[in-house]
């Protein structure tokens, strides 16, 4: 999957993206708890094909995706729906 960041078209979309990025940064900077674990962090990007925001919990040490929202199947369905 191509995880290239795509700039949203509208100023409102850009503001929403910045708000999500700030929330992710806040969570990553907070003391680690059982929810994410000490080796995990949140990442955020826009899926190029579907243009959907994706949030992942990723293991810092291995790069393994622990959890992703929305999952790949949902992203591909969105891509098909939008004609991407």
C-alpha atoms as a PDB file:
ATOM      1  CA  UNK A   1       0.000   0.000   0.000  1.00  0.00           C
ATOM      2  CA  UNK A   2       1.199   3.485  -0.818  1.00  0.00           C
ATOM      3  CA  UNK A   3       1.222   5.609   2.342  1.00  0.00           C
ATOM      4  CA  UNK A   4       2.078   8.853   0.566  1.00  0.00           C
ATOM      5  CA  UNK A   5       0.483  11.861   2.207  1.00  0.00           C
ATOM      6  CA  UNK A   6      -2.015  13.646  -0.032  1.00  0.00           C
ATOM      7  CA  UNK A   7      -2.992  17.252   0.705  1.00  0.00           C
ATOM      8  CA  UNK A   8      -6.758  17.658   1.105  1.00  0.00           C
ATOM      9  CA  UNK A   9      -8.406  20.088  -1.256  1.00  0.00           C
ATOM     10  CA  UNK A  10     -10.295  22.408   1.055  1.00  0.00           C
ATOM     11  CA  UNK A  11      -9.183  24.615   3.964  1.00  0.00           C
ATOM     12  CA  UNK A  12     -11.794  22.906   6.159  1.00  0.00           C
ATOM     13  CA  UNK A  13     -10.293  19.496   5.398  1.00  0.00           C
ATOM     14  CA  UNK A  14      -6.807  20.807   6.182  1.00  0.00           C
ATOM     15  CA  UNK A  15      -8.054  22.164   9.525  1.00  0.00           C
ATOM     16  CA  UNK A  16      -9.606  18.799  10.375  1.00  0.00           C
ATOM     17  CA  UNK A  17      -6.381  16.994   9.476  1.00  0.00           C
ATOM     18  CA  UNK A  18      -4.356  19.344  11.677  1.00  0.00           C
ATOM     19  CA  UNK A  19      -6.734  18.723  14.582  1.00  0.00           C
ATOM     20  CA  UNK A  20      -6.327  14.956  14.216  1.00  0.00           C
ATOM     21  CA  UNK A  21      -2.529  15.301  13.970  1.00  0.00           C
ATOM     22  CA  UNK A  22      -2.518  17.360  17.170  1.00  0.00           C
ATOM     23  CA  UNK A  23      -4.639  14.739  18.953  1.00  0.00           C
ATOM     24  CA  UNK A  24      -2.323  11.936  17.796  1.00  0.00           C
ATOM     25  CA  UNK A  25       0.730  13.896  18.973  1.00  0.00           C
ATOM     26  CA  UNK A  26      -0.889  14.509  22.350  1.00  0.00           C
ATOM     27  CA  UNK A  27      -1.629  10.799  22.756  1.00  0.00           C
ATOM     28  CA  UNK A  28       1.893   9.812  21.680  1.00  0.00           C
ATOM     29  CA  UNK A  29       3.450  12.298  24.134  1.00  0.00           C
ATOM     30  CA  UNK A  30       1.264  11.172  27.055  1.00  0.00           C
ATOM     31  CA  UNK A  31       2.576   8.646  29.589  1.00  0.00           C
ATOM     32  CA  UNK A  32       2.323   5.166  28.132  1.00  0.00           C
ATOM     33  CA  UNK A  33      -0.416   2.909  29.432  1.00  0.00           C
ATOM     34  CA  UNK A  34      -1.796  -0.541  28.724  1.00  0.00           C
ATOM     35  CA  UNK A  35      -3.899   0.700  25.819  1.00  0.00           C
ATOM     36  CA  UNK A  36      -1.023   1.332  23.406  1.00  0.00           C
ATOM     37  CA  UNK A  37       1.849  -0.195  25.347  1.00  0.00           C
ATOM     38  CA  UNK A  38       5.288   1.319  25.837  1.00  0.00           C
ATOM     39  CA  UNK A  39       6.523   0.162  22.410  1.00  0.00           C
ATOM     40  CA  UNK A  40       3.571   1.399  20.356  1.00  0.00           C
ATOM     41  CA  UNK A  41       2.646   4.756  18.898  1.00  0.00           C
ATOM     42  CA  UNK A  42      -0.181   6.229  16.856  1.00  0.00           C
ATOM     43  CA  UNK A  43       0.461   7.245  13.274  1.00  0.00           C
ATOM     44  CA  UNK A  44      -1.804   9.131  10.923  1.00  0.00           C
ATOM     45  CA  UNK A  45      -1.915   9.479   7.141  1.00  0.00           C
ATOM     46  CA  UNK A  46      -4.285   9.868   4.221  1.00  0.00           C
ATOM     47  CA  UNK A  47      -4.656   6.812   2.023  1.00  0.00           C
ATOM     48  CA  UNK A  48      -3.816   8.036  -1.465  1.00  0.00           C
ATOM     49  CA  UNK A  49      -6.227   5.795  -3.356  1.00  0.00           C
ATOM     50  CA  UNK A  50      -9.339   6.243  -1.199  1.00  0.00           C
ATOM     51  CA  UNK A  51      -8.450   9.682   0.233  1.00  0.00           C
ATOM     52  CA  UNK A  52      -9.534   8.399   3.663  1.00  0.00           C
ATOM     53  CA  UNK A  53      -7.844   9.315   6.917  1.00  0.00           C
ATOM     54  CA  UNK A  54      -6.102   6.298   8.458  1.00  0.00           C
ATOM     55  CA  UNK A  55      -4.967   5.936  12.061  1.00  0.00           C
ATOM     56  CA  UNK A  56      -2.622   3.109  13.002  1.00  0.00           C
ATOM     57  CA  UNK A  57      -1.109   1.771  16.192  1.00  0.00           C
ATOM     58  CA  UNK A  58       2.426   0.786  15.161  1.00  0.00           C
ATOM     59  CA  UNK A  59       5.158  -0.995  17.104  1.00  0.00           C
ATOM     60  CA  UNK A  60       8.094   1.464  17.216  1.00  0.00           C
ATOM     61  CA  UNK A  61      10.683  -1.312  17.338  1.00  0.00           C
ATOM     62  CA  UNK A  62       9.449  -3.558  14.531  1.00  0.00           C
ATOM     63  CA  UNK A  63       7.275  -1.248  12.426  1.00  0.00           C
ATOM     64  CA  UNK A  64       4.478  -3.831  12.681  1.00  0.00           C
ATOM     65  CA  UNK A  65       0.942  -2.459  12.395  1.00  0.00           C
ATOM     66  CA  UNK A  66      -0.831  -3.566  15.566  1.00  0.00           C
ATOM     67  CA  UNK A  67      -4.189  -2.067  14.596  1.00  0.00           C
ATOM     68  CA  UNK A  68      -5.500   0.134  11.793  1.00  0.00           C
ATOM     69  CA  UNK A  69      -8.708   2.149  11.504  1.00  0.00           C
ATOM     70  CA  UNK A  70     -10.261   1.834   8.974  1.00  0.00           C
ATOM     71  CA  UNK A  71      -8.863  -1.552   7.954  1.00  0.00           C
ATOM     72  CA  UNK A  72      -7.531  -2.308   4.457  1.00  0.00           C
ATOM     73  CA  UNK A  73     -10.770  -3.903   3.296  1.00  0.00           C
ATOM     74  CA  UNK A  74     -12.759  -0.780   4.155  1.00  0.00           C
ATOM     75  CA  UNK A  75     -10.174   1.428   2.424  1.00  0.00           C
ATOM     76  CA  UNK A  76     -10.381  -0.650  -0.786  1.00  0.00           C
ATOM     77  CA  UNK A  77     -14.191  -0.553  -0.672  1.00  0.00           C
ATOM     78  CA  UNK A  78     -14.050   3.246  -0.320  1.00  0.00           C
ATOM     79  CA  UNK A  79     -11.607   3.392  -3.225  1.00  0.00           C
ATOM     80  CA  UNK A  80     -13.958   1.357  -5.437  1.00  0.00           C
ATOM     81  CA  UNK A  81     -16.944   3.474  -4.386  1.00  0.00           C
ATOM     82  CA  UNK A  82     -15.185   6.747  -5.230  1.00  0.00           C
ATOM     83  CA  UNK A  83     -13.783   5.384  -8.473  1.00  0.00           C
ATOM     84  CA  UNK A  84     -10.145   5.703  -7.307  1.00  0.00           C
END
